[in-house]
C-alpha atoms as a PDB file:
ATOM      1  CA  MET A   1      53.964  35.536  31.765  1.00  0.00           C
ATOM      2  CA  ILE A   2      53.710  33.948  28.322  1.00  0.00           C
ATOM      3  CA  SER A   3      51.269  35.478  25.861  1.00  0.00           C
ATOM      4  CA  LEU A   4      50.770  33.369  22.740  1.00  0.00           C
ATOM      5  CA  GLY A   5      49.515  34.930  19.505  1.00  0.00           C
ATOM      6  CA  LEU A   6      49.303  38.324  21.108  1.00  0.00           C
ATOM      7  CA  ILE A   7      47.944  41.047  18.846  1.00  0.00           C
ATOM      8  CA  ILE A   8      48.735  44.551  20.098  1.00  0.00           C
ATOM      9  CA  SER A   9      46.197  47.230  19.269  1.00  0.00           C
ATOM     10  CA  GLY A  10      45.455  50.771  20.350  1.00  0.00           C
ATOM     11  CA  LEU A  11      49.141  51.518  20.849  1.00  0.00           C
ATOM     12  CA  VAL A  12      51.653  53.646  19.030  1.00  0.00           C
ATOM     13  CA  ILE A  13      53.268  51.593  16.264  1.00  0.00           C
ATOM     14  CA  SER A  14      56.961  52.156  15.630  1.00  0.00           C
ATOM     15  CA  THR A  15      57.921  52.803  12.056  1.00  0.00           C
ATOM     16  CA  PHE A  16      61.033  51.506  10.370  1.00  0.00           C
ATOM     17  CA  VAL A  17      62.287  51.336   6.814  1.00  0.00           C
ATOM     18  CA  SER A  18      60.024  49.166   4.622  1.00  0.00           C
ATOM     19  CA  LEU A  19      60.618  45.448   4.273  1.00  0.00           C
ATOM     20  CA  SER A  20      60.579  45.746   0.485  1.00  0.00           C
ATOM     21  CA  TRP A  21      64.319  45.152   0.664  1.00  0.00           C
ATOM     22  CA  ILE A  22      63.554  41.430   0.855  1.00  0.00           C
ATOM     23  CA  LEU A  23      62.992  41.438  -2.897  1.00  0.00           C
ATOM     24  CA  HIS A  24      66.317  43.125  -3.609  1.00  0.00           C
ATOM     25  CA  PRO A  25      68.725  42.098  -0.891  1.00  0.00           C
ATOM     26  CA  GLY A  26      71.771  44.351  -0.589  1.00  0.00           C
ATOM     27  CA  LYS A  27      75.315  43.136  -0.815  1.00  0.00           C
ATOM     28  CA  LEU A  28      76.698  42.869   2.669  1.00  0.00           C
ATOM     29  CA  GLU A  29      80.382  43.359   3.317  1.00  0.00           C
ATOM     30  CA  ARG A  30      80.613  39.848   4.725  1.00  0.00           C
ATOM     31  CA  GLY A  31      83.302  38.696   7.130  1.00  0.00           C
ATOM     32  CA  PHE A  32      84.957  40.342  10.105  1.00  0.00           C
ATOM     33  CA  THR A  33      86.597  43.730   9.872  1.00  0.00           C
ATOM     34  CA  ASP A  34      90.391  43.797  10.076  1.00  0.00           C
ATOM     35  CA  HIS A  35      90.075  45.507  13.428  1.00  0.00           C
ATOM     36  CA  PHE A  36      87.996  42.676  14.938  1.00  0.00           C
ATOM     37  CA  GLN A  37      90.127  39.923  13.383  1.00  0.00           C
ATOM     38  CA  GLN A  38      93.316  41.493  14.672  1.00  0.00           C
ATOM     39  CA  TRP A  39      91.791  41.740  18.157  1.00  0.00           C
ATOM     40  CA  LEU A  40      90.752  38.052  17.972  1.00  0.00           C
ATOM     41  CA  ASP A  41      94.225  36.973  16.815  1.00  0.00           C
ATOM     42  CA  SER A  42      95.778  38.556  19.839  1.00  0.00           C
ATOM     43  CA  SER A  43      93.158  37.341  22.307  1.00  0.00           C
ATOM     44  CA  SER A  44      92.430  34.115  24.165  1.00  0.00           C
ATOM     45  CA  PHE A  45      89.873  33.345  21.434  1.00  0.00           C
ATOM     46  CA  ALA A  46      92.474  33.091  18.655  1.00  0.00           C
ATOM     47  CA  SER A  47      92.120  29.287  18.294  1.00  0.00           C
ATOM     48  CA  GLN A  48      88.341  29.386  17.900  1.00  0.00           C
ATOM     49  CA  ASN A  49      88.343  30.215  14.156  1.00  0.00           C
ATOM     50  CA  PHE A  50      85.274  32.415  14.448  1.00  0.00           C
ATOM     51  CA  ALA A  51      85.939  33.947  11.002  1.00  0.00           C
ATOM     52  CA  ARG A  52      85.152  30.671   9.192  1.00  0.00           C
ATOM     53  CA  THR A  53      86.739  31.939   6.025  1.00  0.00           C
ATOM     54  CA  GLU A  54      86.152  28.614   4.258  1.00  0.00           C
ATOM     55  CA  PHE A  55      82.576  29.869   3.661  1.00  0.00           C
ATOM     56  CA  VAL A  56      81.347  32.872   1.729  1.00  0.00           C
ATOM     57  CA  GLY A  57      79.553  34.615   4.581  1.00  0.00           C
ATOM     58  CA  GLY A  58      81.031  32.545   7.352  1.00  0.00           C
ATOM     59  CA  SER A  59      81.061  35.514   9.703  1.00  0.00           C
ATOM     60  CA  TYR A  60      80.122  39.145  10.178  1.00  0.00           C
ATOM     61  CA  GLY A  61      80.916  42.092  12.395  1.00  0.00           C
ATOM     62  CA  GLY A  62      83.559  44.354  13.857  1.00  0.00           C
ATOM     63  CA  LYS A  63      84.636  47.971  14.234  1.00  0.00           C
ATOM     64  CA  ALA A  64      86.139  49.941  11.357  1.00  0.00           C
ATOM     65  CA  ASN A  65      88.808  51.254  13.703  1.00  0.00           C
ATOM     66  CA  ALA A  66      89.440  52.115  17.341  1.00  0.00           C
ATOM     67  CA  GLN A  67      87.399  55.323  17.011  1.00  0.00           C
ATOM     68  CA  ASP A  68      84.244  53.405  15.930  1.00  0.00           C
ATOM     69  CA  LYS A  69      81.935  53.958  18.914  1.00  0.00           C
ATOM     70  CA  ILE A  70      79.222  51.509  19.902  1.00  0.00           C
ATOM     71  CA  ARG A  71      75.863  53.260  20.278  1.00  0.00           C
ATOM     72  CA  ASN A  72      73.412  50.355  20.368  1.00  0.00           C
ATOM     73  CA  HIS A  73      73.583  47.133  22.304  1.00  0.00           C
ATOM     74  CA  PRO A  74      75.593  44.814  19.996  1.00  0.00           C
ATOM     75  CA  VAL A  75      73.374  42.117  18.488  1.00  0.00           C
ATOM     76  CA  ILE A  76      74.674  38.550  18.165  1.00  0.00           C
ATOM     77  CA  PHE A  77      72.939  36.329  15.638  1.00  0.00           C
ATOM     78  CA  ILE A  78      73.053  32.523  16.095  1.00  0.00           C
ATOM     79  CA  HIS A  79      71.963  30.542  13.016  1.00  0.00           C
ATOM     80  CA  GLY A  80      70.356  27.127  12.819  1.00  0.00           C
ATOM     81  CA  LEU A  81      71.268  23.604  11.722  1.00  0.00           C
ATOM     82  CA  THR A  82      73.198  23.350   8.385  1.00  0.00           C
ATOM     83  CA  ASP A  83      73.074  27.121   7.967  1.00  0.00           C
ATOM     84  CA  ILE A  84      76.017  29.595   7.993  1.00  0.00           C
ATOM     85  CA  ALA A  85      76.300  33.030   9.471  1.00  0.00           C
ATOM     86  CA  VAL A  86      75.483  35.306   6.535  1.00  0.00           C
ATOM     87  CA  GLY A  87      75.531  33.081   3.482  1.00  0.00           C
ATOM     88  CA  THR A  88      74.441  33.898  -0.049  1.00  0.00           C
ATOM     89  CA  VAL A  89      72.793  30.739  -1.415  1.00  0.00           C
ATOM     90  CA  GLY A  90      69.387  29.087  -0.843  1.00  0.00           C
ATOM     91  CA  ILE A  91      68.613  28.108   2.756  1.00  0.00           C
ATOM     92  CA  GLN A  92      72.178  28.924   3.830  1.00  0.00           C
ATOM     93  CA  GLN A  93      71.732  32.670   3.999  1.00  0.00           C
ATOM     94  CA  GLY A  94      71.819  32.794   7.777  1.00  0.00           C
ATOM     95  CA  PHE A  95      70.843  36.163   9.190  1.00  0.00           C
ATOM     96  CA  SER A  96      71.761  38.197   6.054  1.00  0.00           C
ATOM     97  CA  ARG A  97      68.272  39.688   5.779  1.00  0.00           C
ATOM     98  CA  SER A  98      67.993  40.656   9.420  1.00  0.00           C
ATOM     99  CA  ILE A  99      71.451  42.276   9.358  1.00  0.00           C
ATOM    100  CA  GLU A 100      70.564  44.226   6.207  1.00  0.00           C
ATOM    101  CA  TYR A 101      67.402  45.436   7.915  1.00  0.00           C
ATOM    102  CA  PHE A 102      69.217  46.457  11.079  1.00  0.00           C
ATOM    103  CA  LEU A 103      71.771  48.372   8.992  1.00  0.00           C
ATOM    104  CA  LEU A 104      68.964  50.241   7.304  1.00  0.00           C
ATOM    105  CA  ASN A 105      67.592  51.264  10.661  1.00  0.00           C
ATOM    106  CA  GLY A 106      70.497  52.819  12.529  1.00  0.00           C
ATOM    107  CA  TYR A 107      72.863  50.002  13.310  1.00  0.00           C
ATOM    108  CA  LYS A 108      76.539  49.709  12.176  1.00  0.00           C
ATOM    109  CA  LYS A 109      78.674  46.674  11.368  1.00  0.00           C
ATOM    110  CA  SER A 110      80.392  47.246  14.719  1.00  0.00           C
ATOM    111  CA  GLU A 111      77.052  46.514  16.422  1.00  0.00           C
ATOM    112  CA  LEU A 112      76.083  43.313  14.538  1.00  0.00           C
ATOM    113  CA  TYR A 113      77.871  39.977  14.909  1.00  0.00           C
ATOM    114  CA  ALA A 114      77.610  36.429  13.552  1.00  0.00           C
ATOM    115  CA  THR A 115      79.772  33.379  13.215  1.00  0.00           C
ATOM    116  CA  THR A 116      79.209  29.884  11.832  1.00  0.00           C
ATOM    117  CA  TRP A 117      78.980  27.092  14.369  1.00  0.00           C
ATOM    118  CA  GLY A 118      78.989  23.444  13.288  1.00  0.00           C
ATOM    119  CA  PHE A 119      79.776  21.933   9.902  1.00  0.00           C
ATOM    120  CA  GLY A 120      77.733  24.287   7.759  1.00  0.00           C
ATOM    121  CA  ASP A 121      76.976  21.330   5.476  1.00  0.00           C
ATOM    122  CA  LEU A 122      73.652  20.479   3.873  1.00  0.00           C
ATOM    123  CA  THR A 123      74.641  16.827   3.334  1.00  0.00           C
ATOM    124  CA  GLU A 124      72.111  14.706   5.147  1.00  0.00           C
ATOM    125  CA  SER A 125      74.669  12.380   6.714  1.00  0.00           C
ATOM    126  CA  VAL A 126      76.613  15.349   8.036  1.00  0.00           C
ATOM    127  CA  ALA A 127      73.581  17.275   9.255  1.00  0.00           C
ATOM    128  CA  SER A 128      72.227  14.223  11.089  1.00  0.00           C
ATOM    129  CA  ALA A 129      75.408  14.150  13.160  1.00  0.00           C
ATOM    130  CA  GLU A 130      74.893  17.621  14.672  1.00  0.00           C
ATOM    131  CA  THR A 131      73.807  17.579  18.284  1.00  0.00           C
ATOM    132  CA  PHE A 132      73.669  19.810  21.360  1.00  0.00           C
ATOM    133  CA  ASN A 133      77.166  18.681  22.225  1.00  0.00           C
ATOM    134  CA  GLU A 134      80.004  20.354  24.133  1.00  0.00           C
ATOM    135  CA  LYS A 135      81.750  21.498  20.951  1.00  0.00           C
ATOM    136  CA  ASN A 136      78.707  23.409  19.643  1.00  0.00           C
ATOM    137  CA  VAL A 137      77.544  24.829  23.032  1.00  0.00           C
ATOM    138  CA  MET A 138      81.028  26.075  23.993  1.00  0.00           C
ATOM    139  CA  TYR A 139      81.695  27.567  20.547  1.00  0.00           C
ATOM    140  CA  VAL A 140      78.548  29.688  20.847  1.00  0.00           C
ATOM    141  CA  ARG A 141      79.427  30.552  24.458  1.00  0.00           C
ATOM    142  CA  LYS A 142      82.939  31.673  23.517  1.00  0.00           C
ATOM    143  CA  PHE A 143      81.624  33.829  20.655  1.00  0.00           C
ATOM    144  CA  ILE A 144      79.249  35.659  22.988  1.00  0.00           C
ATOM    145  CA  GLU A 145      82.102  36.187  25.460  1.00  0.00           C
ATOM    146  CA  ALA A 146      84.349  37.428  22.667  1.00  0.00           C
ATOM    147  CA  VAL A 147      81.832  40.032  21.467  1.00  0.00           C
ATOM    148  CA  LEU A 148      81.266  41.244  25.012  1.00  0.00           C
ATOM    149  CA  GLN A 149      84.989  41.659  25.574  1.00  0.00           C
ATOM    150  CA  TYR A 150      85.728  43.183  22.202  1.00  0.00           C
ATOM    151  CA  THR A 151      82.954  45.778  22.179  1.00  0.00           C
ATOM    152  CA  GLY A 152      83.231  46.560  25.867  1.00  0.00           C
ATOM    153  CA  ALA A 153      79.423  46.590  25.982  1.00  0.00           C
ATOM    154  CA  GLU A 154      77.720  46.124  29.325  1.00  0.00           C
ATOM    155  CA  LYS A 155      75.029  44.104  27.580  1.00  0.00           C
ATOM    156  CA  VAL A 156      74.361  42.490  24.204  1.00  0.00           C
ATOM    157  CA  ASP A 157      71.235  41.172  22.477  1.00  0.00           C
ATOM    158  CA  VAL A 158      71.047  37.595  21.135  1.00  0.00           C
ATOM    159  CA  ILE A 159      68.760  36.452  18.324  1.00  0.00           C
ATOM    160  CA  ALA A 160      68.785  32.734  17.507  1.00  0.00           C
ATOM    161  CA  HIS A 161      67.091  30.614  14.841  1.00  0.00           C
ATOM    162  CA  SER A 162      66.108  26.980  15.003  1.00  0.00           C
ATOM    163  CA  MET A 163      68.796  24.795  16.665  1.00  0.00           C
ATOM    164  CA  GLY A 164      70.673  27.961  17.535  1.00  0.00           C
ATOM    165  CA  GLY A 165      67.971  28.567  20.178  1.00  0.00           C
ATOM    166  CA  PRO A 166      68.683  25.665  22.588  1.00  0.00           C
ATOM    167  CA  LEU A 167      72.420  25.960  21.893  1.00  0.00           C
ATOM    168  CA  SER A 168      72.543  29.636  22.810  1.00  0.00           C
ATOM    169  CA  ARG A 169      70.168  29.162  25.793  1.00  0.00           C
ATOM    170  CA  ARG A 170      72.598  26.725  27.424  1.00  0.00           C
ATOM    171  CA  ALA A 171      75.579  28.905  26.430  1.00  0.00           C
ATOM    172  CA  ILE A 172      73.921  31.802  28.342  1.00  0.00           C
ATOM    173  CA  LYS A 173      72.525  29.848  31.256  1.00  0.00           C
ATOM    174  CA  GLY A 174      75.876  28.213  31.939  1.00  0.00           C
ATOM    175  CA  GLY A 175      76.018  25.422  34.474  1.00  0.00           C
ATOM    176  CA  GLN A 176      76.622  21.711  34.226  1.00  0.00           C
ATOM    177  CA  VAL A 177      75.542  19.587  31.257  1.00  0.00           C
ATOM    178  CA  THR A 178      75.235  15.909  32.168  1.00  0.00           C
ATOM    179  CA  ASN A 179      74.018  12.981  30.091  1.00  0.00           C
ATOM    180  CA  THR A 180      75.293   9.537  29.194  1.00  0.00           C
ATOM    181  CA  ILE A 181      77.260  10.943  26.240  1.00  0.00           C
ATOM    182  CA  GLU A 182      78.956  13.987  27.751  1.00  0.00           C
ATOM    183  CA  ASN A 183      79.599  15.735  31.029  1.00  0.00           C
ATOM    184  CA  PHE A 184      80.894  19.306  30.905  1.00  0.00           C
ATOM    185  CA  ASN A 185      80.603  22.666  32.682  1.00  0.00           C
ATOM    186  CA  VAL A 186      79.655  25.707  30.618  1.00  0.00           C
ATOM    187  CA  GLY A 187      80.636  28.272  33.264  1.00  0.00           C
ATOM    188  CA  LEU A 188      78.749  30.975  35.127  1.00  0.00           C
ATOM    189  CA  ALA A 189      75.496  32.355  33.729  1.00  0.00           C
ATOM    190  CA  LEU A 190      75.757  35.298  31.333  1.00  0.00           C
ATOM    191  CA  THR A 191      72.230  36.508  32.125  1.00  0.00           C
ATOM    192  CA  ASP A 192      73.405  39.873  33.478  1.00  0.00           C
ATOM    193  CA  SER A 193      75.158  40.540  30.130  1.00  0.00           C
ATOM    194  CA  ILE A 194      72.102  39.924  27.931  1.00  0.00           C
ATOM    195  CA  ASP A 195      69.471  42.590  27.460  1.00  0.00           C
ATOM    196  CA  THR A 196      67.132  40.989  24.884  1.00  0.00           C
ATOM    197  CA  TYR A 197      67.042  37.324  23.948  1.00  0.00           C
ATOM    198  CA  ILE A 198      64.894  36.023  21.030  1.00  0.00           C
ATOM    199  CA  THR A 199      64.431  32.599  19.479  1.00  0.00           C
ATOM    200  CA  ILE A 200      62.780  32.025  16.090  1.00  0.00           C
ATOM    201  CA  ALA A 201      61.389  28.620  15.066  1.00  0.00           C
ATOM    202  CA  SER A 202      63.468  26.863  17.737  1.00  0.00           C
ATOM    203  CA  PRO A 203      62.765  23.264  18.912  1.00  0.00           C
ATOM    204  CA  HIS A 204      62.954  23.743  22.687  1.00  0.00           C
ATOM    205  CA  TYR A 205      61.086  20.470  23.276  1.00  0.00           C
ATOM    206  CA  GLY A 206      62.495  18.550  20.289  1.00  0.00           C
ATOM    207  CA  VAL A 207      60.993  17.734  16.882  1.00  0.00           C
ATOM    208  CA  LEU A 208      58.350  15.092  16.106  1.00  0.00           C
ATOM    209  CA  GLN A 209      60.396  13.728  13.204  1.00  0.00           C
ATOM    210  CA  CYS A 210      62.683  12.246  15.911  1.00  0.00           C
ATOM    211  CA  TYR A 211      59.855  10.448  17.694  1.00  0.00           C
ATOM    212  CA  GLY A 212      60.900   6.893  18.463  1.00  0.00           C
ATOM    213  CA  GLN A 213      64.449   7.499  17.143  1.00  0.00           C
ATOM    214  CA  GLY A 214      66.110   8.477  20.411  1.00  0.00           C
ATOM    215  CA  ASN A 215      68.283   5.353  20.495  1.00  0.00           C
ATOM    216  CA  ASN A 216      68.940   5.088  16.789  1.00  0.00           C
ATOM    217  CA  PRO A 217      72.785   5.170  16.359  1.00  0.00           C
ATOM    218  CA  SER A 218      72.441   6.228  12.713  1.00  0.00           C
ATOM    219  CA  LEU A 219      70.523   9.345  13.769  1.00  0.00           C
ATOM    220  CA  PRO A 220      72.575  11.011  16.538  1.00  0.00           C
ATOM    221  CA  GLN A 221      70.670  14.224  15.842  1.00  0.00           C
ATOM    222  CA  CYS A 222      67.606  12.510  17.356  1.00  0.00           C
ATOM    223  CA  SER A 223      69.448  11.275  20.454  1.00  0.00           C
ATOM    224  CA  ASN A 224      67.441  11.073  23.673  1.00  0.00           C
ATOM    225  CA  GLN A 225      70.556  12.377  25.433  1.00  0.00           C
ATOM    226  CA  ASN A 226      71.768  15.419  23.493  1.00  0.00           C
ATOM    227  CA  GLY A 227      69.562  15.539  20.408  1.00  0.00           C
ATOM    228  CA  PHE A 228      66.139  16.593  19.188  1.00  0.00           C
ATOM    229  CA  SER A 229      64.144  13.710  20.760  1.00  0.00           C
ATOM    230  CA  PRO A 230      60.673  15.076  21.639  1.00  0.00           C
ATOM    231  CA  ALA A 231      60.629  13.039  24.842  1.00  0.00           C
ATOM    232  CA  PRO A 232      62.418  15.536  25.305  1.00  0.00           C
ATOM    233  CA  SER A 233      66.101  14.600  25.324  1.00  0.00           C
ATOM    234  CA  GLN A 234      68.056  14.867  28.540  1.00  0.00           C
ATOM    235  CA  PHE A 235      69.746  18.023  27.254  1.00  0.00           C
ATOM    236  CA  LEU A 236      66.455  19.725  26.442  1.00  0.00           C
ATOM    237  CA  LYS A 237      64.763  18.540  29.663  1.00  0.00           C
ATOM    238  CA  ASP A 238      67.581  19.888  31.814  1.00  0.00           C
ATOM    239  CA  LEU A 239      67.573  23.125  29.801  1.00  0.00           C
ATOM    240  CA  ASN A 240      63.844  23.694  30.327  1.00  0.00           C
ATOM    241  CA  ASP A 241      63.988  22.697  33.987  1.00  0.00           C
ATOM    242  CA  ASP A 242      66.701  25.293  34.637  1.00  0.00           C
ATOM    243  CA  PRO A 243      65.025  28.486  35.883  1.00  0.00           C
ATOM    244  CA  THR A 244      68.060  30.646  34.994  1.00  0.00           C
ATOM    245  CA  ARG A 245      66.915  33.419  32.651  1.00  0.00           C
ATOM    246  CA  GLU A 246      68.475  34.062  29.231  1.00  0.00           C
ATOM    247  CA  GLY A 247      68.311  37.857  29.582  1.00  0.00           C
ATOM    248  CA  ASP A 248      66.312  40.852  30.839  1.00  0.00           C
ATOM    249  CA  HIS A 249      63.717  40.534  28.056  1.00  0.00           C
ATOM    250  CA  ILE A 250      62.937  37.129  26.544  1.00  0.00           C
ATOM    251  CA  TYR A 251      60.801  36.434  23.440  1.00  0.00           C
ATOM    252  CA  SER A 252      60.028  33.571  21.106  1.00  0.00           C
ATOM    253  CA  PHE A 253      58.397  33.394  17.631  1.00  0.00           C
ATOM    254  CA  ALA A 254      56.786  30.185  16.297  1.00  0.00           C
ATOM    255  CA  SER A 255      54.427  29.328  13.448  1.00  0.00           C
ATOM    256  CA  SER A 256      51.824  26.773  12.409  1.00  0.00           C
ATOM    257  CA  GLN A 257      53.395  27.058   8.910  1.00  0.00           C
ATOM    258  CA  ASP A 258      56.734  25.700  10.115  1.00  0.00           C
ATOM    259  CA  HIS A 259      57.134  22.366   8.324  1.00  0.00           C
ATOM    260  CA  ILE A 260      60.115  21.396  10.544  1.00  0.00           C
ATOM    261  CA  LEU A 261      58.400  21.867  13.884  1.00  0.00           C
ATOM    262  CA  THR A 262      54.849  20.998  12.837  1.00  0.00           C
ATOM    263  CA  ALA A 263      53.469  17.527  12.009  1.00  0.00           C
ATOM    264  CA  LEU A 264      50.185  16.527  10.312  1.00  0.00           C
ATOM    265  CA  THR A 265      49.164  14.533  13.373  1.00  0.00           C
ATOM    266  CA  TYR A 266      49.903  17.364  15.811  1.00  0.00           C
ATOM    267  CA  ASP A 267      49.583  20.736  14.084  1.00  0.00           C
ATOM    268  CA  ASP A 268      50.103  22.695  17.291  1.00  0.00           C
ATOM    269  CA  PHE A 269      53.389  21.030  18.234  1.00  0.00           C
ATOM    270  CA  SER A 270      55.251  24.004  16.789  1.00  0.00           C
ATOM    271  CA  LYS A 271      53.494  26.226  19.364  1.00  0.00           C
ATOM    272  CA  TYR A 272      54.511  23.865  22.138  1.00  0.00           C
ATOM    273  CA  THR A 273      58.157  23.325  21.162  1.00  0.00           C
ATOM    274  CA  GLY A 274      58.593  26.878  19.856  1.00  0.00           C
ATOM    275  CA  THR A 275      58.577  28.466  23.305  1.00  0.00           C
ATOM    276  CA  PHE A 276      60.073  27.739  26.716  1.00  0.00           C
ATOM    277  CA  PRO A 277      59.456  28.387  30.427  1.00  0.00           C
ATOM    278  CA  THR A 278      61.393  31.637  30.923  1.00  0.00           C
ATOM    279  CA  VAL A 279      59.830  33.457  27.940  1.00  0.00           C
ATOM    280  CA  ASP A 280      58.200  36.799  28.752  1.00  0.00           C
ATOM    281  CA  GLN A 281      56.171  37.071  25.534  1.00  0.00           C
ATOM    282  CA  SER A 282      55.638  34.834  22.503  1.00  0.00           C
ATOM    283  CA  TYR A 283      54.050  35.264  19.112  1.00  0.00           C
ATOM    284  CA  TYR A 284      52.508  32.382  17.168  1.00  0.00           C
ATOM    285  CA  PHE A 285      52.049  32.972  13.433  1.00  0.00           C
ATOM    286  CA  LYS A 286      49.371  31.134  11.539  1.00  0.00           C
ATOM    287  CA  THR A 287      49.712  32.304   7.953  1.00  0.00           C
ATOM    288  CA  ARG A 288      52.134  32.384   5.057  1.00  0.00           C
ATOM    289  CA  PRO A 289      54.947  33.267   4.745  1.00  0.00           C
ATOM    290  CA  TYR A 290      56.050  32.236   8.255  1.00  0.00           C
ATOM    291  CA  SER A 291      57.695  28.951   7.336  1.00  0.00           C
ATOM    292  CA  HIS A 292      60.709  27.594   9.177  1.00  0.00           C
ATOM    293  CA  ASP A 293      63.360  29.616   7.301  1.00  0.00           C
ATOM    294  CA  CYS A 294      61.255  32.529   6.037  1.00  0.00           C
ATOM    295  CA  MET A 295      60.208  33.337   9.575  1.00  0.00           C
ATOM    296  CA  LYS A 296      63.808  34.271  10.326  1.00  0.00           C
ATOM    297  CA  ASP A 297      63.940  36.675   7.379  1.00  0.00           C
ATOM    298  CA  VAL A 298      60.399  38.064   7.403  1.00  0.00           C
ATOM    299  CA  THR A 299      60.335  38.934  11.098  1.00  0.00           C
ATOM    300  CA  ALA A 300      63.312  41.300  10.908  1.00  0.00           C
ATOM    301  CA  MET A 301      61.020  44.243  11.690  1.00  0.00           C
ATOM    302  CA  LEU A 302      59.694  42.423  14.806  1.00  0.00           C
ATOM    303  CA  GLN A 303      63.214  41.454  15.868  1.00  0.00           C
ATOM    304  CA  LEU A 304      64.312  45.079  15.734  1.00  0.00           C
ATOM    305  CA  GLN A 305      61.210  46.284  17.597  1.00  0.00           C
ATOM    306  CA  ALA A 306      61.800  43.750  20.342  1.00  0.00           C
ATOM    307  CA  VAL A 307      65.494  44.571  20.884  1.00  0.00           C
ATOM    308  CA  LYS A 308      65.020  48.323  20.705  1.00  0.00           C
ATOM    309  CA  PHE A 309      61.684  48.865  22.477  1.00  0.00           C
ATOM    310  CA  HIS A 310      60.920  45.521  24.165  1.00  0.00           C
ATOM    311  CA  ASN A 311      57.447  45.228  22.645  1.00  0.00           C
ATOM    312  CA  PHE A 312      55.644  43.881  19.573  1.00  0.00           C
ATOM    313  CA  ASN A 313      54.124  47.180  18.452  1.00  0.00           C
ATOM    314  CA  ILE A 314      54.563  46.926  14.712  1.00  0.00           C
ATOM    315  CA  ASP A 315      52.363  46.808  11.607  1.00  0.00           C
ATOM    316  CA  PHE A 316      51.958  43.037  11.329  1.00  0.00           C
ATOM    317  CA  ASP A 317      49.885  43.229   8.137  1.00  0.00           C
ATOM    318  CA  LYS A 318      52.648  45.158   6.438  1.00  0.00           C
ATOM    319  CA  MET A 319      55.316  42.726   7.612  1.00  0.00           C
ATOM    320  CA  THR A 320      53.256  39.749   6.402  1.00  0.00           C
ATOM    321  CA  GLU A 321      52.447  41.313   3.029  1.00  0.00           C
ATOM    322  CA  ASN A 322      56.064  42.089   2.270  1.00  0.00           C
ATOM    323  CA  GLY A 323      57.147  38.680   3.478  1.00  0.00           C
ATOM    324  CA  LYS A 324      54.956  36.804   1.017  1.00  0.00           C
ATOM    325  CA  TYR A 325      57.737  37.113  -1.489  1.00  0.00           C
ATOM    326  CA  CYS A 326      60.352  35.408   0.671  1.00  0.00           C
ATOM    327  CA  GLU A 327      62.441  33.448  -1.777  1.00  0.00           C
ATOM    328  CA  LEU A 328      62.806  30.614   0.689  1.00  0.00           C
ATOM    329  CA  TYR A 329      59.071  29.853   0.958  1.00  0.00           C
ATOM    330  CA  PRO A 330      57.880  27.200   1.711  1.00  0.00           C
ATOM    331  CA  TYR A 331      61.033  26.230   3.617  1.00  0.00           C
END
């Protein structure tokens, strides 16, 4: 059952380290550990280039050594369009803030993973070429498989932002992807290997900016086959029609302040496109600072609560107050 804009009261609220860290972000030891990279180099994933060393912050995660024991479900972070895994500049900071917050609250680098899918390029002409294609879907799929095999964990958690939502949903659901552009099989569903699945500001039913552009060859990103067309595209329609679950516990966060998913003529479109049929519980924000990119950073407390305790029992006022200083606002 989907519960939009749920406010939990009268329940015990979990307490974590304050979100004041958002003003003074720590310096992550970005990249994979030598232990993880050596494992990748000797595995069937060696050709995937998950490290993405061409970027500062192109990847994150890995054990310090063979004795580094996994205590929590490993968390895999899937970034959005034009972003990179754990970058350092502007809107290309990926999940740096969330990872910092998880580290402050009992997680280790061996339990947190991210890679950079796609071009990682802010250039408009490059960004407009990104779609829900086989290359992107299978890259995300292989990374999830690699983390499962490397950590030996029975289950992992997946947290995705923006375009990373639909990409990771198909990567997890598996099955056949068929449209007039591509036809490929993702493989068997990974549902049994996912404990908690979360999407943040994701366009599960497309974006209104692509309205009427589904057949525009200069905007493949808006394709009515494998793009963001709000019709929705064939890829998104098939994804939402597929009843296969993305995990044991499924959540989505969306916001009326999201300038990417909201339009002046349809203010609630972000609520509609920000969730999807298999979601167990959703939260719809209506105030600053829950913009498209800040929502990813500011909701770190809520992300942690959901993966650890499978509920939304946090101090929302505190999270919002601290988040007002998100350096990415209003993006």
